C-alpha cells in the first residue's frame, strides 16, 4: 500500500503540469486566432470601404475628385509586376486614364523589361503623327521614351538601372584618370552626390525624379526602379493590376495633391 501510495504521489505533479500546459496552449491558440480574426475583419472593412469609395468616384458622384490640381506632379512613375505587365490592355487603359487626367510625364517600369517588349513595340509600330519617339533632355543615348498626345511616356527596366550605374562609374573614373594632379599624387577617388548626379545626366540616365510612384502587383516595393530618381518620391501600393480601378487611381492622385512636401535644405 505504501508503495502504491508513493507511486501515485510521484505521478500526480507531472499529470497536473501536463494538463496545465495543454490548457495554456489552448488559451494562447484561442488568443492568436481571435487576434487574426480581428485583423482580418478590419482589413476586410477597409477594403470594402475603399472599393465603395472608388466606385463612387468612378461614377462621378463626388465633385472634389473631378477637378484634380496636379501642379506639383511633374512626373508620375508606374511600377508593374513583370507577370502582370503582360496585360497590355490594362496598361493601355491606365495610360489613357492618365492622359485624360492631364498627367504630363509618365515613367513605366517593370523588372524584366516586359513593358519595353509590349507597350514599347506597340508605340514604335504606330504611325500617328501625335506619337513620336523622343529623347530625354540632355541625353546622349535614346531611351524608350515616346510622346503620346500631350503626355510623355518613358519605359524602363532593371537593365537601365544597372547599365546607368556602370556607365556613370566609367565616366567618373575616366575623368579622374584625366586629372594628372590627382592621379600623380595617388589620391583615392571620392565622388560626391552631385558628381554622380552630373555623371548620370551626362550619359543620359538622369530623367526627371517622380514625385509619386504607384506600384501595381503583389510586392510593396519599387522592384529595382533606379534609386537615384527616388530621392523625394512618395510610394503608394495600388494592389494587383487585375483589379485596376479608375476611382482608386483618382483617389491616389487626389490624396497626393493635398499633401505638402518639405524637402529641407
Protein backbone atom coordinates (compact mmCIF):
# COMPACT_ATOMS: atom_id res chain seq x y z
CA UNK A 1 0.00 0.00 0.00
CA UNK A 2 2.82 2.37 0.87
CA UNK A 3 4.50 1.59 -2.45
CA UNK A 4 1.29 2.26 -4.41
CA UNK A 5 0.68 5.45 -2.50
CA UNK A 6 4.23 6.63 -3.18
CA UNK A 7 3.89 5.96 -6.92
CA UNK A 8 0.58 7.87 -7.01
CA UNK A 9 2.13 10.86 -5.25
CA UNK A 10 5.08 10.81 -7.69
CA UNK A 11 2.84 10.74 -10.78
CA UNK A 12 0.28 13.38 -9.76
CA UNK A 13 2.54 16.51 -10.23
CA UNK A 14 3.61 15.58 -13.82
CA UNK A 15 0.00 14.89 -14.77
CA UNK A 16 -1.10 18.23 -13.35
CA UNK A 17 1.73 20.03 -15.19
CA UNK A 18 0.78 18.26 -18.45
CA UNK A 19 -2.85 19.30 -18.07
CA UNK A 20 -1.82 22.88 -17.25
CA UNK A 21 0.40 23.07 -20.36
CA UNK A 22 -2.46 21.85 -22.56
CA UNK A 23 -4.82 24.47 -21.10
CA UNK A 24 -2.19 27.19 -21.62
CA UNK A 25 -1.69 26.14 -25.25
CA UNK A 26 -5.45 26.23 -25.83
CA UNK A 27 -5.67 29.71 -24.33
CA UNK A 28 -2.74 31.04 -26.39
CA UNK A 29 -4.11 29.41 -29.54
CA UNK A 30 -7.55 30.95 -28.97
CA UNK A 31 -6.00 34.41 -28.41
CA UNK A 32 -3.95 34.06 -31.62
CA UNK A 33 -6.94 33.08 -33.73
CA UNK A 34 -9.02 35.83 -32.14
CA UNK A 35 -6.34 38.42 -32.98
CA UNK A 36 -6.10 37.04 -36.53
CA UNK A 37 -9.88 37.27 -36.89
CA UNK A 38 -9.94 40.88 -35.68
CA UNK A 39 -7.15 41.91 -38.08
CA UNK A 40 -8.87 40.12 -40.97
CA UNK A 41 -12.18 41.84 -40.21
CA UNK A 42 -10.51 45.27 -40.02
CA UNK A 43 -8.73 44.62 -43.34
CA UNK A 44 -12.00 43.47 -44.91
CA UNK A 45 -13.85 46.57 -43.71
CA UNK A 46 -11.07 48.85 -45.03
CA UNK A 47 -11.06 47.03 -48.39
CA UNK A 48 -14.85 47.30 -48.72
CA UNK A 49 -14.73 50.97 -47.77
CA UNK A 50 -12.01 51.62 -50.35
CA UNK A 51 -13.93 49.69 -53.00
CA UNK A 52 -17.13 51.60 -52.25
CA UNK A 53 -15.37 54.97 -52.36
CA UNK A 54 -13.61 54.03 -55.61
CA UNK A 55 -16.91 53.07 -57.18
CA UNK A 56 -18.48 56.38 -56.10
CA UNK A 57 -15.51 58.30 -57.54
CA UNK A 58 -15.71 56.33 -60.80
CA UNK A 59 -19.39 57.23 -61.07
CA UNK A 60 -18.51 60.92 -60.73
CA UNK A 61 -20.70 61.46 -57.67
CA UNK A 62 -18.05 63.30 -55.64
CA UNK A 63 -17.28 66.71 -57.10
CA UNK A 64 -13.99 67.24 -55.29
CA UNK A 65 -12.43 64.35 -57.22
CA UNK A 66 -13.48 65.67 -60.62
CA UNK A 67 -11.05 68.58 -60.95
CA UNK A 68 -7.62 67.42 -59.84
CA UNK A 69 -4.94 70.05 -59.34
CA UNK A 70 -1.69 68.29 -60.16
CA UNK A 71 0.60 71.30 -60.36
CA UNK A 72 3.16 69.63 -58.09
CA UNK A 73 3.16 66.38 -60.09
CA UNK A 74 5.71 66.82 -62.85
CA UNK A 75 6.47 63.12 -63.23
CA UNK A 76 4.45 60.05 -62.23
CA UNK A 77 6.14 56.64 -62.06
CA UNK A 78 4.22 53.40 -62.53
CA UNK A 79 5.88 50.17 -61.35
CA UNK A 80 4.19 46.98 -62.57
CA UNK A 81 4.96 43.40 -61.60
CA UNK A 82 6.50 41.67 -64.64
CA UNK A 83 3.90 38.90 -64.72
CA UNK A 84 1.03 41.38 -64.66
CA UNK A 85 2.81 43.63 -67.19
CA UNK A 86 1.84 41.13 -69.90
CA UNK A 87 -1.71 42.50 -69.70
CA UNK A 88 -1.22 45.26 -72.27
CA UNK A 89 -4.94 46.07 -72.35
CA UNK A 90 -4.86 47.15 -68.71
CA UNK A 91 -1.62 49.11 -69.23
CA UNK A 92 -3.07 50.99 -72.21
CA UNK A 93 -6.25 51.70 -70.26
CA UNK A 94 -4.16 53.08 -67.41
CA UNK A 95 -2.22 55.33 -69.80
CA UNK A 96 -5.46 56.53 -71.36
CA UNK A 97 -6.85 57.47 -67.94
CA UNK A 98 -3.67 59.33 -67.00
CA UNK A 99 -3.73 61.20 -70.29
CA UNK A 100 -7.34 62.27 -69.69
CA UNK A 101 -6.38 63.42 -66.17
CA UNK A 102 -3.69 65.56 -67.83
CA UNK A 103 -0.59 63.95 -66.34
CA UNK A 104 2.35 65.29 -68.36
CA UNK A 105 5.13 62.74 -67.82
CA UNK A 106 4.82 59.00 -67.11
CA UNK A 107 7.66 56.61 -66.34
CA UNK A 108 6.63 52.96 -66.79
CA UNK A 109 8.85 50.33 -65.15
CA UNK A 110 8.93 46.58 -64.73
CA UNK A 111 11.76 44.35 -63.58
CA UNK A 112 12.24 42.13 -66.65
CA UNK A 113 11.57 44.61 -69.45
CA UNK A 114 8.17 43.21 -70.43
CA UNK A 115 6.76 46.70 -70.97
CA UNK A 116 9.57 47.52 -73.40
CA UNK A 117 8.74 44.45 -75.48
CA UNK A 118 4.99 45.05 -75.46
CA UNK A 119 3.99 48.68 -74.97
CA UNK A 120 7.28 49.99 -76.37
CA UNK A 121 6.98 47.95 -79.56
CA UNK A 122 3.33 48.98 -79.93
CA UNK A 123 4.37 52.62 -79.72
CA UNK A 124 7.08 52.13 -82.34
CA UNK A 125 4.63 50.47 -84.73
CA UNK A 126 2.14 53.37 -84.59
CA UNK A 127 2.18 55.87 -87.45
CA UNK A 128 0.07 58.51 -85.72
CA UNK A 129 1.72 61.92 -86.07
CA UNK A 130 0.89 62.72 -82.45
CA UNK A 131 3.14 59.85 -81.33
CA UNK A 132 6.87 60.25 -81.86
CA UNK A 133 9.99 58.82 -80.32
CA UNK A 134 11.74 61.40 -78.18
CA UNK A 135 14.90 61.90 -76.18
CA UNK A 136 15.24 62.70 -72.53
CA UNK A 137 16.57 66.21 -72.13
CA UNK A 138 20.39 66.39 -72.28
CA UNK A 139 20.60 62.65 -73.00
CA UNK A 140 23.22 61.31 -75.38
CA UNK A 141 21.57 57.94 -75.84
CA UNK A 142 17.98 57.27 -76.84
CA UNK A 143 15.78 55.65 -74.18
CA UNK A 144 12.42 54.01 -74.68
CA UNK A 145 10.68 57.36 -74.47
CA UNK A 146 7.66 58.37 -76.52
CA UNK A 147 5.37 61.35 -76.90
CA UNK A 148 1.71 60.36 -76.78
CA UNK A 149 -0.58 63.33 -77.41
CA UNK A 150 0.32 65.78 -74.60
CA UNK A 151 1.91 63.12 -72.39
CA UNK A 152 5.48 61.80 -72.50
CA UNK A 153 5.86 58.08 -71.74
CA UNK A 154 9.25 56.72 -70.67
CA UNK A 155 9.72 52.95 -70.34
CA UNK A 156 12.43 51.48 -68.09
CA UNK A 157 13.52 48.10 -66.76
CA UNK A 158 16.13 46.79 -64.29
CA UNK A 159 18.79 46.73 -67.02
CA UNK A 160 18.58 50.52 -67.31
CA UNK A 161 19.49 50.91 -63.66
CA UNK A 162 22.45 48.52 -63.84
CA UNK A 163 23.68 49.96 -67.11
CA UNK A 164 23.32 53.50 -65.79
CA UNK A 165 25.40 52.76 -62.68
CA UNK A 166 28.12 51.05 -64.74
CA UNK A 167 28.34 53.86 -67.29
CA UNK A 168 28.31 56.55 -64.60
CA UNK A 169 31.18 54.78 -62.79
CA UNK A 170 33.20 54.54 -66.01
CA UNK A 171 32.50 58.21 -66.74
CA UNK A 172 33.70 59.32 -63.30
CA UNK A 173 36.82 57.12 -63.38
CA UNK A 174 37.76 58.30 -66.86
CA UNK A 175 37.50 61.93 -65.72
CA UNK A 176 39.55 61.09 -62.64
CA UNK A 177 42.28 59.49 -64.74
CA UNK A 178 42.45 62.62 -66.93
CA UNK A 179 43.27 64.76 -63.89
CA UNK A 180 47.08 64.44 -63.66
CA UNK A 181 47.32 66.18 -60.28
CA UNK A 182 45.07 63.65 -58.59
CA UNK A 183 46.47 60.64 -60.41
CA UNK A 184 50.12 61.51 -59.72
CA UNK A 185 49.51 62.21 -56.04
CA UNK A 186 47.93 58.79 -55.61
CA UNK A 187 44.78 60.31 -54.18
CA UNK A 188 41.94 57.85 -53.85
CA UNK A 189 38.90 58.88 -55.92
CA UNK A 190 35.99 60.19 -53.86
CA UNK A 191 32.82 61.30 -55.57
CA UNK A 192 30.05 63.45 -54.15
CA UNK A 193 26.35 63.04 -54.79
CA UNK A 194 26.34 65.99 -57.14
CA UNK A 195 29.20 64.49 -59.17
CA UNK A 196 27.34 61.19 -59.51
CA UNK A 197 24.18 63.07 -60.50
CA UNK A 198 26.12 65.05 -63.12
CA UNK A 199 27.66 61.84 -64.46
CA UNK A 200 24.24 60.20 -64.81
CA UNK A 201 22.97 63.30 -66.54
CA UNK A 202 25.96 63.39 -68.90
CA UNK A 203 25.43 59.79 -70.05
CA UNK A 204 21.66 60.21 -70.36
CA UNK A 205 20.38 58.28 -67.34
CA UNK A 206 19.14 61.17 -65.23
CA UNK A 207 15.50 61.55 -66.20
CA UNK A 208 13.04 63.53 -64.08
CA UNK A 209 12.54 62.40 -60.49
CA UNK A 210 8.94 61.23 -59.99
CA UNK A 211 7.10 62.92 -57.17
CA UNK A 212 4.73 59.94 -56.91
CA UNK A 213 5.26 56.24 -57.64
CA UNK A 214 2.33 53.82 -57.93
CA UNK A 215 3.07 50.10 -57.52
CA UNK A 216 0.80 47.54 -59.20
CA UNK A 217 1.37 43.95 -58.14
CA UNK A 218 1.81 41.81 -55.01
CA UNK A 219 5.10 43.44 -53.96
CA UNK A 220 5.06 46.55 -51.80
CA UNK A 221 8.37 47.99 -53.04
CA UNK A 222 9.79 49.74 -56.10
CA UNK A 223 11.24 46.47 -57.55
CA UNK A 224 14.58 47.96 -58.54
CA UNK A 225 13.40 51.26 -60.00
CA UNK A 226 16.53 53.49 -60.45
CA UNK A 227 17.14 54.60 -56.83
CA UNK A 228 18.83 57.89 -57.75
CA UNK A 229 15.47 59.05 -59.10
CA UNK A 230 13.57 58.28 -55.88
CA UNK A 231 15.10 60.83 -53.53
CA UNK A 232 11.82 62.59 -52.69
CA UNK A 233 9.29 60.15 -54.14
CA UNK A 234 6.15 59.05 -52.34
CA UNK A 235 5.34 55.37 -52.96
CA UNK A 236 1.76 54.03 -52.91
CA UNK A 237 0.80 50.38 -53.34
CA UNK A 238 -2.25 50.06 -55.61
CA UNK A 239 -2.82 46.30 -55.43
CA UNK A 240 -3.00 43.89 -58.34
CA UNK A 241 -3.28 45.25 -61.89
CA UNK A 242 -6.13 42.76 -62.43
CA UNK A 243 -8.29 44.95 -60.18
CA UNK A 244 -7.36 48.19 -61.95
CA UNK A 245 -9.90 50.82 -60.99
CA UNK A 246 -10.31 54.39 -62.19
CA UNK A 247 -11.62 55.57 -58.83
CA UNK A 248 -8.60 54.17 -56.97
CA UNK A 249 -6.26 55.94 -59.36
CA UNK A 250 -8.06 59.26 -58.99
CA UNK A 251 -8.15 58.92 -55.19
CA UNK A 252 -4.38 58.27 -55.06
CA UNK A 253 -3.69 61.34 -57.20
CA UNK A 254 -6.13 63.46 -55.18
CA UNK A 255 -4.59 62.42 -51.85
CA UNK A 256 -1.13 63.26 -53.21
CA UNK A 257 -2.29 66.68 -54.44
CA UNK A 258 -3.41 67.58 -50.90
CA UNK A 259 -0.04 66.86 -49.29
CA UNK A 260 2.75 69.32 -48.62
CA UNK A 261 6.26 68.02 -49.21
CA UNK A 262 9.03 69.63 -47.18
CA UNK A 263 12.42 68.69 -48.60
CA UNK A 264 14.61 70.72 -46.26
CA UNK A 265 17.98 72.04 -47.37
